Amino acid sequence: MEREPLNVADYERLAEEKLDPGAFGYFAGGAGDEVTLRENVGAFRRLRLRPRVLADVSGVSTAATVLGHEVSMPVLVAPLAFQRLAHPEGEVATARASAREGTIFCLSTVATAGPAEITEGVRWFQLYVFKDRGFTRTLVERAVEAGFSAILLTADTPHLGRRERDHRTGFQVPAELVPSLAGHDLLTPEQTFASMADDLSWRDVEGLASMSGLPVLVKGVLTAEDARLACESGAAGVVVSNHGGRQLDGVPATIEALPEVVEAVGGRIPVLMDGGIRRGTDVVKALALGAEAVLAGRPFVWGLAAGGEEGVLAVLQLLRAELELALALLGCRSPAEVTPAHIARG
């Protein structure tokens, strides 16, 4: 009898058993020596929590509000490309599970499903800007027409990081799964990113907001300098992210970069964080250091590979249950009650 998965790591092992080595390596891998990939998880383990006792934690709720949207927990489903590599229903299944659980789903520009196929729940569109700005406009218009409510502008990919696992496995997206993006041939990550713009600037944030009529969050911010520029450029929020350790190897783990960004923003716009979330305790650590919410990607693709929509839902419910327990044991009845005093410094 197969044992029921107990945590995200169990789902990752199941996914590795089910996926082709090239596909698993694509989802699991990072750039260069994968130092930042490992640190995204490892840095959470070095942080210590400071629980309060006798705090009356009856009626604990994980509910939160993110950019005006009420969600069941401050955990959003991050954009992750080519999800039909993991399961035939791909992003459609992940989005349905997100809607069932009551949280926000983010669709990648290079998804294996178009915006019109994702119809349930609150949806944000992650945008890569192409050299062909007319095509970029078409992408944004498709997302607006499909009812997406925000744009996540990924700002840390002027060029693709060197992902050596993909080179070792000879990873390619099967031709039948390649998204239809302006006729570009996107069989490898390198081909995909060769079509994208490397001349983006902060002026593009305001332009995208004007073009779409939607709030634009800048994803990929790691420094105080860029956090301040995001505020000055009209961003509706920032996502502290190092692209899951898949771009510039050697940058800080996102949980390490988070306090610097939070301080620089100074409450002017929401700060979210992406990278390294594997446990409910990770979520409360990010909240304590100033994140309004977190995004997670790999945990949900492991659930997708293991069991399709039900697998994604199971991982969402697992993280919510872990978060609820962490809040109660921390002495908090809601995410809003988590403060910097709940985390040990130094």
C-alpha atoms as a PDB file:
ATOM      1  CA  MET A   1       0.000   0.000   0.000  1.00  0.00           C
ATOM      2  CA  GLU A   2       1.431   3.358  -1.071  1.00  0.00           C
ATOM      3  CA  ARG A   3       1.865   5.810   1.785  1.00  0.00           C
ATOM      4  CA  GLU A   4      -0.021   9.106   1.562  1.00  0.00           C
ATOM      5  CA  PRO A   5       2.321  12.084   1.012  1.00  0.00           C
ATOM      6  CA  LEU A   6       2.794  14.010   4.243  1.00  0.00           C
ATOM      7  CA  ASN A   7       4.602  17.121   3.005  1.00  0.00           C
ATOM      8  CA  VAL A   8       5.888  18.953  -0.051  1.00  0.00           C
ATOM      9  CA  ALA A   9       9.093  16.902  -0.095  1.00  0.00           C
ATOM     10  CA  ASP A  10       7.023  13.720  -0.404  1.00  0.00           C
ATOM     11  CA  TYR A  11       5.200  15.209  -3.405  1.00  0.00           C
ATOM     12  CA  GLU A  12       8.533  16.130  -4.983  1.00  0.00           C
ATOM     13  CA  ARG A  13       9.693  12.501  -4.680  1.00  0.00           C
ATOM     14  CA  LEU A  14       6.457  11.311  -6.280  1.00  0.00           C
ATOM     15  CA  ALA A  15       6.884  13.813  -9.115  1.00  0.00           C
ATOM     16  CA  GLU A  16      10.444  12.684  -9.759  1.00  0.00           C
ATOM     17  CA  GLU A  17       9.228   9.090 -10.071  1.00  0.00           C
ATOM     18  CA  LYS A  18       6.555  10.073 -12.596  1.00  0.00           C
ATOM     19  CA  LEU A  19       8.325  12.651 -14.749  1.00  0.00           C
ATOM     20  CA  ASP A  20      10.805  12.219 -17.558  1.00  0.00           C
ATOM     21  CA  PRO A  21      14.294  13.186 -16.233  1.00  0.00           C
ATOM     22  CA  GLY A  22      14.471  16.153 -18.591  1.00  0.00           C
ATOM     23  CA  ALA A  23      11.109  17.532 -17.453  1.00  0.00           C
ATOM     24  CA  PHE A  24      11.894  16.960 -13.776  1.00  0.00           C
ATOM     25  CA  GLY A  25      15.275  18.642 -14.188  1.00  0.00           C
ATOM     26  CA  TYR A  26      13.635  21.615 -15.900  1.00  0.00           C
ATOM     27  CA  PHE A  27      11.218  22.164 -13.028  1.00  0.00           C
ATOM     28  CA  ALA A  28      13.671  21.339 -10.212  1.00  0.00           C
ATOM     29  CA  GLY A  29      16.860  22.955 -11.486  1.00  0.00           C
ATOM     30  CA  GLY A  30      18.523  26.309 -11.131  1.00  0.00           C
ATOM     31  CA  ALA A  31      21.312  28.342 -12.673  1.00  0.00           C
ATOM     32  CA  GLY A  32      25.041  27.711 -12.497  1.00  0.00           C
ATOM     33  CA  ASP A  33      26.142  25.790  -9.402  1.00  0.00           C
ATOM     34  CA  GLU A  34      22.590  26.123  -8.007  1.00  0.00           C
ATOM     35  CA  VAL A  35      23.870  27.938  -4.900  1.00  0.00           C
ATOM     36  CA  THR A  36      20.931  30.329  -4.838  1.00  0.00           C
ATOM     37  CA  LEU A  37      18.501  27.485  -5.575  1.00  0.00           C
ATOM     38  CA  ARG A  38      19.646  25.691  -2.415  1.00  0.00           C
ATOM     39  CA  GLU A  39      19.861  28.871  -0.354  1.00  0.00           C
ATOM     40  CA  ASN A  40      16.248  29.797  -1.112  1.00  0.00           C
ATOM     41  CA  VAL A  41      15.265  26.799   1.022  1.00  0.00           C
ATOM     42  CA  GLY A  42      18.245  26.731   3.361  1.00  0.00           C
ATOM     43  CA  ALA A  43      17.897  30.341   4.497  1.00  0.00           C
ATOM     44  CA  PHE A  44      14.417  29.627   5.868  1.00  0.00           C
ATOM     45  CA  ARG A  45      15.842  26.824   8.010  1.00  0.00           C
ATOM     46  CA  ARG A  46      18.300  29.201   9.673  1.00  0.00           C
ATOM     47  CA  LEU A  47      15.540  31.564  10.844  1.00  0.00           C
ATOM     48  CA  ARG A  48      14.049  30.981  14.280  1.00  0.00           C
ATOM     49  CA  LEU A  49      10.524  31.819  15.398  1.00  0.00           C
ATOM     50  CA  ARG A  50       9.573  33.484  18.714  1.00  0.00           C
ATOM     51  CA  PRO A  51       6.197  32.081  19.778  1.00  0.00           C
ATOM     52  CA  ARG A  52       3.968  33.728  22.358  1.00  0.00           C
ATOM     53  CA  VAL A  53       1.993  31.546  24.757  1.00  0.00           C
ATOM     54  CA  LEU A  54      -1.353  31.903  26.568  1.00  0.00           C
ATOM     55  CA  ALA A  55      -2.460  34.054  23.655  1.00  0.00           C
ATOM     56  CA  ASP A  56      -6.024  32.688  23.080  1.00  0.00           C
ATOM     57  CA  VAL A  57      -5.741  31.184  19.618  1.00  0.00           C
ATOM     58  CA  SER A  58      -9.314  29.944  19.398  1.00  0.00           C
ATOM     59  CA  GLY A  59     -10.792  30.462  15.954  1.00  0.00           C
ATOM     60  CA  VAL A  60      -7.528  30.712  14.018  1.00  0.00           C
ATOM     61  CA  SER A  61      -8.038  31.797  10.396  1.00  0.00           C
ATOM     62  CA  THR A  62      -5.525  31.775   7.559  1.00  0.00           C
ATOM     63  CA  ALA A  63      -7.590  34.244   5.476  1.00  0.00           C
ATOM     64  CA  ALA A  64      -5.924  37.383   4.159  1.00  0.00           C
ATOM     65  CA  THR A  65      -6.357  40.202   1.644  1.00  0.00           C
ATOM     66  CA  VAL A  66      -3.879  40.599  -1.221  1.00  0.00           C
ATOM     67  CA  LEU A  67      -4.115  43.603  -3.551  1.00  0.00           C
ATOM     68  CA  GLY A  68      -7.783  43.957  -2.579  1.00  0.00           C
ATOM     69  CA  HIS A  69      -8.608  40.272  -3.137  1.00  0.00           C
ATOM     70  CA  GLU A  70      -9.784  38.133  -0.239  1.00  0.00           C
ATOM     71  CA  VAL A  71      -7.897  34.831  -0.257  1.00  0.00           C
ATOM     72  CA  SER A  72      -8.062  31.718   1.909  1.00  0.00           C
ATOM     73  CA  MET A  73      -4.389  32.148   2.807  1.00  0.00           C
ATOM     74  CA  PRO A  74      -1.519  34.495   1.900  1.00  0.00           C
ATOM     75  CA  VAL A  75      -0.055  31.848  -0.422  1.00  0.00           C
ATOM     76  CA  LEU A  76      -0.447  32.475  -4.167  1.00  0.00           C
ATOM     77  CA  VAL A  77       0.292  30.064  -7.007  1.00  0.00           C
ATOM     78  CA  ALA A  78       3.352  31.434  -8.800  1.00  0.00           C
ATOM     79  CA  PRO A  79       3.688  31.477 -12.597  1.00  0.00           C
ATOM     80  CA  LEU A  80       5.487  28.410 -13.880  1.00  0.00           C
ATOM     81  CA  ALA A  81       5.975  27.650 -17.567  1.00  0.00           C
ATOM     82  CA  PHE A  82       5.115  24.564 -19.619  1.00  0.00           C
ATOM     83  CA  GLN A  83       2.946  22.822 -17.006  1.00  0.00           C
ATOM     84  CA  ARG A  84       1.604  20.256 -19.469  1.00  0.00           C
ATOM     85  CA  LEU A  85       5.047  18.696 -19.174  1.00  0.00           C
ATOM     86  CA  ALA A  86       3.888  17.634 -15.699  1.00  0.00           C
ATOM     87  CA  HIS A  87       0.302  16.610 -16.484  1.00  0.00           C
ATOM     88  CA  PRO A  88      -1.924  16.630 -19.604  1.00  0.00           C
ATOM     89  CA  GLU A  89      -4.235  19.283 -18.102  1.00  0.00           C
ATOM     90  CA  GLY A  90      -1.331  21.526 -17.076  1.00  0.00           C
ATOM     91  CA  GLU A  91      -2.178  25.074 -16.102  1.00  0.00           C
ATOM     92  CA  VAL A  92      -5.920  24.483 -16.457  1.00  0.00           C
ATOM     93  CA  ALA A  93      -5.804  21.922 -13.641  1.00  0.00           C
ATOM     94  CA  THR A  94      -3.588  24.128 -11.464  1.00  0.00           C
ATOM     95  CA  ALA A  95      -5.890  27.113 -11.957  1.00  0.00           C
ATOM     96  CA  ARG A  96      -9.000  25.089 -11.105  1.00  0.00           C
ATOM     97  CA  ALA A  97      -7.394  23.847  -7.895  1.00  0.00           C
ATOM     98  CA  SER A  98      -6.372  27.405  -6.994  1.00  0.00           C
ATOM     99  CA  ALA A  99      -9.941  28.622  -7.486  1.00  0.00           C
ATOM    100  CA  ARG A 100     -11.320  25.756  -5.393  1.00  0.00           C
ATOM    101  CA  GLU A 101      -8.940  26.622  -2.581  1.00  0.00           C
ATOM    102  CA  GLY A 102      -9.716  30.335  -2.865  1.00  0.00           C
ATOM    103  CA  THR A 103      -6.337  31.760  -3.764  1.00  0.00           C
ATOM    104  CA  ILE A 104      -4.778  33.613  -6.710  1.00  0.00           C
ATOM    105  CA  PHE A 105      -3.383  31.781  -9.739  1.00  0.00           C
ATOM    106  CA  CYS A 106      -0.635  33.365 -11.855  1.00  0.00           C
ATOM    107  CA  LEU A 107      -0.360  32.292 -15.508  1.00  0.00           C
ATOM    108  CA  SER A 108       3.026  32.333 -17.235  1.00  0.00           C
ATOM    109  CA  THR A 109       3.489  34.005 -20.610  1.00  0.00           C
ATOM    110  CA  VAL A 110       4.986  30.712 -21.813  1.00  0.00           C
ATOM    111  CA  ALA A 111       2.258  28.523 -20.410  1.00  0.00           C
ATOM    112  CA  THR A 112       0.899  25.543 -22.300  1.00  0.00           C
ATOM    113  CA  ALA A 113      -2.580  27.073 -21.967  1.00  0.00           C
ATOM    114  CA  GLY A 114      -3.736  30.509 -23.099  1.00  0.00           C
ATOM    115  CA  PRO A 115      -5.479  33.112 -20.911  1.00  0.00           C
ATOM    116  CA  ALA A 116      -8.862  32.277 -22.471  1.00  0.00           C
ATOM    117  CA  GLU A 117      -8.562  28.694 -21.160  1.00  0.00           C
ATOM    118  CA  ILE A 118      -8.144  29.852 -17.550  1.00  0.00           C
ATOM    119  CA  THR A 119     -11.615  30.956 -16.515  1.00  0.00           C
ATOM    120  CA  GLU A 120     -12.047  30.357 -12.785  1.00  0.00           C
ATOM    121  CA  GLY A 121     -11.010  32.317  -9.718  1.00  0.00           C
ATOM    122  CA  VAL A 122      -8.739  35.340  -9.368  1.00  0.00           C
ATOM    123  CA  ARG A 123      -6.025  35.290 -12.022  1.00  0.00           C
ATOM    124  CA  TRP A 124      -2.895  37.350 -12.562  1.00  0.00           C
ATOM    125  CA  PHE A 125      -0.897  37.311 -15.807  1.00  0.00           C
ATOM    126  CA  GLN A 126       2.877  37.046 -15.631  1.00  0.00           C
ATOM    127  CA  LEU A 127       4.355  39.016 -18.516  1.00  0.00           C
ATOM    128  CA  TYR A 128       7.591  38.596 -20.395  1.00  0.00           C
ATOM    129  CA  VAL A 129       8.053  41.513 -22.775  1.00  0.00           C
ATOM    130  CA  PHE A 130       8.983  40.458 -26.306  1.00  0.00           C
ATOM    131  CA  LYS A 131      11.193  42.346 -28.725  1.00  0.00           C
ATOM    132  CA  ASP A 132       8.060  42.584 -30.838  1.00  0.00           C
ATOM    133  CA  ARG A 133       6.195  45.147 -28.730  1.00  0.00           C
ATOM    134  CA  GLY A 134       3.080  44.743 -30.869  1.00  0.00           C
ATOM    135  CA  PHE A 135       2.928  41.106 -29.890  1.00  0.00           C
ATOM    136  CA  THR A 136       3.445  42.051 -26.256  1.00  0.00           C
ATOM    137  CA  ARG A 137       0.415  44.321 -26.532  1.00  0.00           C
ATOM    138  CA  THR A 138      -1.579  41.413 -27.974  1.00  0.00           C
ATOM    139  CA  LEU A 139      -0.594  39.223 -25.012  1.00  0.00           C
ATOM    140  CA  VAL A 140      -1.736  41.880 -22.550  1.00  0.00           C
ATOM    141  CA  GLU A 141      -5.000  42.403 -24.430  1.00  0.00           C
ATOM    142  CA  ARG A 142      -5.708  38.657 -24.318  1.00  0.00           C
ATOM    143  CA  ALA A 143      -5.208  38.630 -20.558  1.00  0.00           C
ATOM    144  CA  VAL A 144      -7.464  41.655 -20.062  1.00  0.00           C
ATOM    145  CA  GLU A 145     -10.185  40.156 -22.257  1.00  0.00           C
ATOM    146  CA  ALA A 146     -10.002  36.902 -20.288  1.00  0.00           C
ATOM    147  CA  GLY A 147     -10.634  38.710 -16.997  1.00  0.00           C
ATOM    148  CA  PHE A 148      -7.165  38.699 -15.455  1.00  0.00           C
ATOM    149  CA  SER A 149      -6.907  41.327 -12.729  1.00  0.00           C
ATOM    150  CA  ALA A 150      -3.178  42.185 -12.522  1.00  0.00           C
ATOM    151  CA  ILE A 151       0.062  42.008 -14.494  1.00  0.00           C
ATOM    152  CA  LEU A 152       3.192  40.478 -12.971  1.00  0.00           C
ATOM    153  CA  LEU A 153       6.052  42.027 -14.943  1.00  0.00           C
ATOM    154  CA  THR A 154       9.046  39.715 -14.650  1.00  0.00           C
ATOM    155  CA  ALA A 155      12.041  42.035 -14.577  1.00  0.00           C
ATOM    156  CA  ASP A 156      14.996  39.709 -13.971  1.00  0.00           C
ATOM    157  CA  THR A 157      15.288  37.973 -17.354  1.00  0.00           C
ATOM    158  CA  PRO A 158      16.979  40.251 -19.912  1.00  0.00           C
ATOM    159  CA  HIS A 159      18.831  37.046 -20.765  1.00  0.00           C
ATOM    160  CA  LEU A 160      18.252  33.467 -19.690  1.00  0.00           C
ATOM    161  CA  GLY A 161      20.322  32.161 -16.798  1.00  0.00           C
ATOM    162  CA  ARG A 162      22.588  29.226 -17.601  1.00  0.00           C
ATOM    163  CA  ARG A 163      20.633  26.179 -16.443  1.00  0.00           C
ATOM    164  CA  GLU A 164      23.101  23.356 -16.716  1.00  0.00           C
ATOM    165  CA  ARG A 165      20.669  20.559 -15.851  1.00  0.00           C
ATOM    166  CA  ASP A 166      18.792  21.331 -19.065  1.00  0.00           C
ATOM    167  CA  HIS A 167      22.031  21.156 -21.065  1.00  0.00           C
ATOM    168  CA  ARG A 168      22.948  17.805 -19.525  1.00  0.00           C
ATOM    169  CA  THR A 169      19.565  16.238 -20.266  1.00  0.00           C
ATOM    170  CA  GLY A 170      19.141  17.909 -23.668  1.00  0.00           C
ATOM    171  CA  PHE A 171      15.797  19.182 -22.440  1.00  0.00           C
ATOM    172  CA  GLN A 172      13.281  20.288 -25.072  1.00  0.00           C
ATOM    173  CA  VAL A 173       9.584  20.962 -24.834  1.00  0.00           C
ATOM    174  CA  PRO A 174       7.732  18.390 -26.993  1.00  0.00           C
ATOM    175  CA  ALA A 175       6.552  20.107 -30.174  1.00  0.00           C
ATOM    176  CA  GLU A 176       2.885  19.350 -29.436  1.00  0.00           C
ATOM    177  CA  LEU A 177       3.123  21.311 -26.151  1.00  0.00           C
ATOM    178  CA  VAL A 178       4.809  24.419 -27.546  1.00  0.00           C
ATOM    179  CA  PRO A 179       2.604  27.482 -26.963  1.00  0.00           C
ATOM    180  CA  SER A 180       1.557  29.480 -30.001  1.00  0.00           C
ATOM    181  CA  LEU A 181       3.433  32.734 -29.464  1.00  0.00           C
ATOM    182  CA  ALA A 182       3.626  34.789 -32.652  1.00  0.00           C
ATOM    183  CA  GLY A 183       4.965  31.859 -34.606  1.00  0.00           C
ATOM    184  CA  HIS A 184       8.157  31.707 -32.556  1.00  0.00           C
ATOM    185  CA  ASP A 185       9.828  28.302 -32.279  1.00  0.00           C
ATOM    186  CA  LEU A 186      10.031  27.799 -28.508  1.00  0.00           C
ATOM    187  CA  LEU A 187      11.316  24.245 -28.154  1.00  0.00           C
ATOM    188  CA  THR A 188      14.064  25.156 -25.677  1.00  0.00           C
ATOM    189  CA  PRO A 189      14.256  27.817 -22.945  1.00  0.00           C
ATOM    190  CA  GLU A 190      17.077  29.465 -24.903  1.00  0.00           C
ATOM    191  CA  GLN A 191      14.902  29.793 -28.028  1.00  0.00           C
ATOM    192  CA  THR A 192      12.098  31.187 -25.906  1.00  0.00           C
ATOM    193  CA  PHE A 193      14.163  33.911 -24.287  1.00  0.00           C
ATOM    194  CA  ALA A 194      15.955  34.838 -27.518  1.00  0.00           C
ATOM    195  CA  SER A 195      12.613  36.300 -28.610  1.00  0.00           C
ATOM    196  CA  MET A 196      12.282  38.488 -25.535  1.00  0.00           C
ATOM    197  CA  ALA A 197      13.295  42.097 -24.989  1.00  0.00           C
ATOM    198  CA  ASP A 198      16.503  43.011 -23.183  1.00  0.00           C
ATOM    199  CA  ASP A 199      15.904  46.768 -23.297  1.00  0.00           C
ATOM    200  CA  LEU A 200      13.237  47.104 -20.598  1.00  0.00           C
ATOM    201  CA  SER A 201      13.420  50.075 -18.252  1.00  0.00           C
ATOM    202  CA  TRP A 202      11.395  51.489 -15.381  1.00  0.00           C
ATOM    203  CA  ARG A 203       9.446  53.572 -17.918  1.00  0.00           C
ATOM    204  CA  ASP A 204       7.822  50.345 -19.114  1.00  0.00           C
ATOM    205  CA  VAL A 205       6.004  49.879 -15.787  1.00  0.00           C
ATOM    206  CA  GLU A 206       3.848  52.962 -16.252  1.00  0.00           C
ATOM    207  CA  GLY A 207       3.384  52.145 -19.942  1.00  0.00           C
ATOM    208  CA  LEU A 208       2.091  48.664 -19.178  1.00  0.00           C
ATOM    209  CA  ALA A 209      -0.279  49.967 -16.533  1.00  0.00           C
ATOM    210  CA  SER A 210      -1.636  52.537 -18.975  1.00  0.00           C
ATOM    211  CA  MET A 211      -1.947  49.982 -21.778  1.00  0.00           C
ATOM    212  CA  SER A 212      -3.705  47.348 -19.694  1.00  0.00           C
ATOM    213  CA  GLY A 213      -5.684  49.394 -17.198  1.00  0.00           C
ATOM    214  CA  LEU A 214      -4.494  46.840 -14.614  1.00  0.00           C
ATOM    215  CA  PRO A 215      -2.175  47.127 -11.625  1.00  0.00           C
ATOM    216  CA  VAL A 216       1.381  46.117 -12.526  1.00  0.00           C
ATOM    217  CA  LEU A 217       3.566  44.370  -9.966  1.00  0.00           C
ATOM    218  CA  VAL A 218       7.311  44.137 -10.613  1.00  0.00           C
ATOM    219  CA  LYS A 219       8.664  40.636  -9.981  1.00  0.00           C
ATOM    220  CA  GLY A 220      12.386  40.144  -9.487  1.00  0.00           C
ATOM    221  CA  VAL A 221      13.263  42.943  -7.043  1.00  0.00           C
ATOM    222  CA  LEU A 222      16.119  42.125  -4.630  1.00  0.00           C
ATOM    223  CA  THR A 223      17.553  45.512  -3.601  1.00  0.00           C
ATOM    224  CA  ALA A 224      16.484  48.674  -1.803  1.00  0.00           C
ATOM    225  CA  GLU A 225      17.486  50.742  -4.835  1.00  0.00           C
ATOM    226  CA  ASP A 226      15.110  48.884  -7.147  1.00  0.00           C
ATOM    227  CA  ALA A 227      12.371  48.817  -4.518  1.00  0.00           C
ATOM    228  CA  ARG A 228      12.430  52.618  -4.361  1.00  0.00           C
ATOM    229  CA  LEU A 229      12.433  52.880  -8.165  1.00  0.00           C
ATOM    230  CA  ALA A 230       9.418  50.568  -8.314  1.00  0.00           C
ATOM    231  CA  CYS A 231       7.502  52.896  -6.006  1.00  0.00           C
ATOM    232  CA  GLU A 232       8.539  55.936  -8.045  1.00  0.00           C
ATOM    233  CA  SER A 233       7.589  54.239 -11.332  1.00  0.00           C
ATOM    234  CA  GLY A 234       3.991  53.551 -10.428  1.00  0.00           C
ATOM    235  CA  ALA A 235       4.248  49.856  -9.609  1.00  0.00           C
ATOM    236  CA  ALA A 236       1.247  48.516  -7.690  1.00  0.00           C
ATOM    237  CA  GLY A 237       3.509  46.150  -5.778  1.00  0.00           C
ATOM    238  CA  VAL A 238       6.828  44.345  -5.847  1.00  0.00           C
ATOM    239  CA  VAL A 239       7.648  40.665  -5.654  1.00  0.00           C
ATOM    240  CA  VAL A 240      10.968  39.884  -4.003  1.00  0.00           C
ATOM    241  CA  SER A 241      12.182  37.091  -6.258  1.00  0.00           C
ATOM    242  CA  ASN A 242      15.346  35.578  -7.709  1.00  0.00           C
ATOM    243  CA  HIS A 243      13.370  33.515 -10.243  1.00  0.00           C
ATOM    244  CA  GLY A 244      13.598  30.432  -8.079  1.00  0.00           C
ATOM    245  CA  GLY A 245      17.394  30.476  -8.304  1.00  0.00           C
ATOM    246  CA  ARG A 246      17.162  30.092 -12.068  1.00  0.00           C
ATOM    247  CA  GLN A 247      18.752  33.359 -13.245  1.00  0.00           C
ATOM    248  CA  LEU A 248      21.811  34.920 -11.550  1.00  0.00           C
ATOM    249  CA  ASP A 249      23.414  32.344  -9.293  1.00  0.00           C
ATOM    250  CA  GLY A 250      24.973  33.763  -6.135  1.00  0.00           C
ATOM    251  CA  VAL A 251      22.304  36.360  -5.323  1.00  0.00           C
ATOM    252  CA  PRO A 252      20.724  36.252  -1.838  1.00  0.00           C
ATOM    253  CA  ALA A 253      17.914  33.921  -0.933  1.00  0.00           C
ATOM    254  CA  THR A 254      14.664  35.829  -1.236  1.00  0.00           C
ATOM    255  CA  ILE A 255      13.903  35.602   2.487  1.00  0.00           C
ATOM    256  CA  GLU A 256      17.298  37.260   3.088  1.00  0.00           C
ATOM    257  CA  ALA A 257      16.578  40.062   0.588  1.00  0.00           C
ATOM    258  CA  LEU A 258      13.048  40.657   1.890  1.00  0.00           C
ATOM    259  CA  PRO A 259      13.812  42.949   4.894  1.00  0.00           C
ATOM    260  CA  GLU A 260      15.883  45.353   2.769  1.00  0.00           C
ATOM    261  CA  VAL A 261      13.070  45.702   0.239  1.00  0.00           C
ATOM    262  CA  VAL A 262      10.373  46.068   2.895  1.00  0.00           C
ATOM    263  CA  GLU A 263      12.321  48.849   4.596  1.00  0.00           C
ATOM    264  CA  ALA A 264      12.897  50.715   1.323  1.00  0.00           C
ATOM    265  CA  VAL A 265       9.239  50.483   0.295  1.00  0.00           C
ATOM    266  CA  GLY A 266       8.155  51.805   3.671  1.00  0.00           C
ATOM    267  CA  GLY A 267       4.555  50.686   3.314  1.00  0.00           C
ATOM    268  CA  ARG A 268       3.919  52.620   0.090  1.00  0.00           C
ATOM    269  CA  ILE A 269       2.999  49.501  -1.917  1.00  0.00           C
ATOM    270  CA  PRO A 270       2.550  45.811  -1.057  1.00  0.00           C
ATOM    271  CA  VAL A 271       5.633  43.598  -0.906  1.00  0.00           C
ATOM    272  CA  LEU A 272       5.225  39.937  -1.835  1.00  0.00           C
ATOM    273  CA  MET A 273       7.917  37.256  -1.802  1.00  0.00           C
ATOM    274  CA  ASP A 274       8.599  34.297  -4.092  1.00  0.00           C
ATOM    275  CA  GLY A 275      11.064  31.455  -3.611  1.00  0.00           C
ATOM    276  CA  GLY A 276      11.832  28.672  -1.167  1.00  0.00           C
ATOM    277  CA  ILE A 277       8.364  28.171   0.340  1.00  0.00           C
ATOM    278  CA  ARG A 278       8.056  24.510   1.346  1.00  0.00           C
ATOM    279  CA  ARG A 279       6.254  24.693   4.717  1.00  0.00           C
ATOM    280  CA  GLY A 280       3.596  26.685   6.530  1.00  0.00           C
ATOM    281  CA  THR A 281       6.338  27.831   8.900  1.00  0.00           C
ATOM    282  CA  ASP A 282       8.118  29.371   5.894  1.00  0.00           C
ATOM    283  CA  VAL A 283       5.009  31.444   5.240  1.00  0.00           C
ATOM    284  CA  VAL A 284       4.892  32.870   8.780  1.00  0.00           C
ATOM    285  CA  LYS A 285       8.616  33.674   8.633  1.00  0.00           C
ATOM    286  CA  ALA A 286       8.035  35.684   5.436  1.00  0.00           C
ATOM    287  CA  LEU A 287       5.051  37.458   7.008  1.00  0.00           C
ATOM    288  CA  ALA A 288       7.124  38.307  10.081  1.00  0.00           C
ATOM    289  CA  LEU A 289       9.775  39.901   7.881  1.00  0.00           C
ATOM    290  CA  GLY A 290       7.207  42.101   6.139  1.00  0.00           C
ATOM    291  CA  ALA A 291       5.742  40.193   3.196  1.00  0.00           C
ATOM    292  CA  GLU A 292       2.024  40.685   2.614  1.00  0.00           C
ATOM    293  CA  ALA A 293       1.871  37.270   0.936  1.00  0.00           C
ATOM    294  CA  VAL A 294       4.119  34.688  -0.689  1.00  0.00           C
ATOM    295  CA  LEU A 295       4.107  32.932  -4.044  1.00  0.00           C
ATOM    296  CA  ALA A 296       5.093  29.289  -4.474  1.00  0.00           C
ATOM    297  CA  GLY A 297       5.599  27.387  -7.708  1.00  0.00           C
ATOM    298  CA  ARG A 298       7.470  24.110  -7.416  1.00  0.00           C
ATOM    299  CA  PRO A 299       5.275  22.644  -4.620  1.00  0.00           C
ATOM    300  CA  PHE A 300       2.245  22.899  -6.858  1.00  0.00           C
ATOM    301  CA  VAL A 301       3.879  21.456  -9.947  1.00  0.00           C
ATOM    302  CA  TRP A 302       4.924  18.476  -7.806  1.00  0.00           C
ATOM    303  CA  GLY A 303       1.285  18.074  -6.816  1.00  0.00           C
ATOM    304  CA  LEU A 304       0.248  18.432 -10.448  1.00  0.00           C
ATOM    305  CA  ALA A 305       2.661  15.711 -11.558  1.00  0.00           C
ATOM    306  CA  ALA A 306       1.580  13.421  -8.742  1.00  0.00           C
ATOM    307  CA  GLY A 307      -2.170  13.755  -9.165  1.00  0.00           C
ATOM    308  CA  GLY A 308      -3.351  16.450 -11.549  1.00  0.00           C
ATOM    309  CA  GLU A 309      -5.896  18.934 -10.216  1.00  0.00           C
ATOM    310  CA  GLU A 310      -6.484  16.886  -7.064  1.00  0.00           C
ATOM    311  CA  GLY A 311      -2.754  16.759  -6.439  1.00  0.00           C
ATOM    312  CA  VAL A 312      -2.451  20.556  -6.662  1.00  0.00           C
ATOM    313  CA  LEU A 313      -5.461  20.930  -4.364  1.00  0.00           C
ATOM    314  CA  ALA A 314      -3.912  18.514  -1.871  1.00  0.00           C
ATOM    315  CA  VAL A 315      -0.685  20.555  -1.735  1.00  0.00           C
ATOM    316  CA  LEU A 316      -2.644  23.795  -1.324  1.00  0.00           C
ATOM    317  CA  GLN A 317      -4.639  22.274   1.526  1.00  0.00           C
ATOM    318  CA  LEU A 318      -1.485  20.837   3.077  1.00  0.00           C
ATOM    319  CA  LEU A 319       0.226  24.239   3.129  1.00  0.00           C
ATOM    320  CA  ARG A 320      -2.910  25.900   4.509  1.00  0.00           C
ATOM    321  CA  ALA A 321      -3.161  23.311   7.310  1.00  0.00           C
ATOM    322  CA  GLU A 322       0.533  23.789   8.133  1.00  0.00           C
ATOM    323  CA  LEU A 323       0.058  27.570   8.136  1.00  0.00           C
ATOM    324  CA  GLU A 324      -2.978  27.332  10.436  1.00  0.00           C
ATOM    325  CA  LEU A 325      -1.026  25.208  12.901  1.00  0.00           C
ATOM    326  CA  ALA A 326       2.018  27.499  12.720  1.00  0.00           C
ATOM    327  CA  LEU A 327      -0.151  30.543  13.448  1.00  0.00           C
ATOM    328  CA  ALA A 328      -1.759  28.867  16.457  1.00  0.00           C
ATOM    329  CA  LEU A 329       1.564  27.699  17.901  1.00  0.00           C
ATOM    330  CA  LEU A 330       3.049  31.151  17.276  1.00  0.00           C
ATOM    331  CA  GLY A 331       0.218  32.742  19.273  1.00  0.00           C
ATOM    332  CA  CYS A 332      -1.572  34.405  16.329  1.00  0.00           C
ATOM    333  CA  ARG A 333      -5.184  34.068  15.245  1.00  0.00           C
ATOM    334  CA  SER A 334      -4.577  35.384  11.718  1.00  0.00           C
ATOM    335  CA  PRO A 335      -1.757  36.269   9.319  1.00  0.00           C
ATOM    336  CA  ALA A 336      -2.355  39.940  10.154  1.00  0.00           C
ATOM    337  CA  GLU A 337      -1.208  39.314  13.747  1.00  0.00           C
ATOM    338  CA  VAL A 338       2.265  38.101  12.713  1.00  0.00           C
ATOM    339  CA  THR A 339       4.839  40.816  13.426  1.00  0.00           C
ATOM    340  CA  PRO A 340       8.624  41.265  13.318  1.00  0.00           C
ATOM    341  CA  ALA A 341       8.634  40.372  17.027  1.00  0.00           C
ATOM    342  CA  HIS A 342       7.794  36.796  16.049  1.00  0.00           C
ATOM    343  CA  ILE A 343      11.174  36.196  14.407  1.00  0.00           C
ATOM    344  CA  ALA A 344      14.571  35.968  16.059  1.00  0.00           C
ATOM    345  CA  ARG A 345      17.186  38.415  14.813  1.00  0.00           C
ATOM    346  CA  GLY A 346      20.885  37.766  14.413  1.00  0.00           C
END
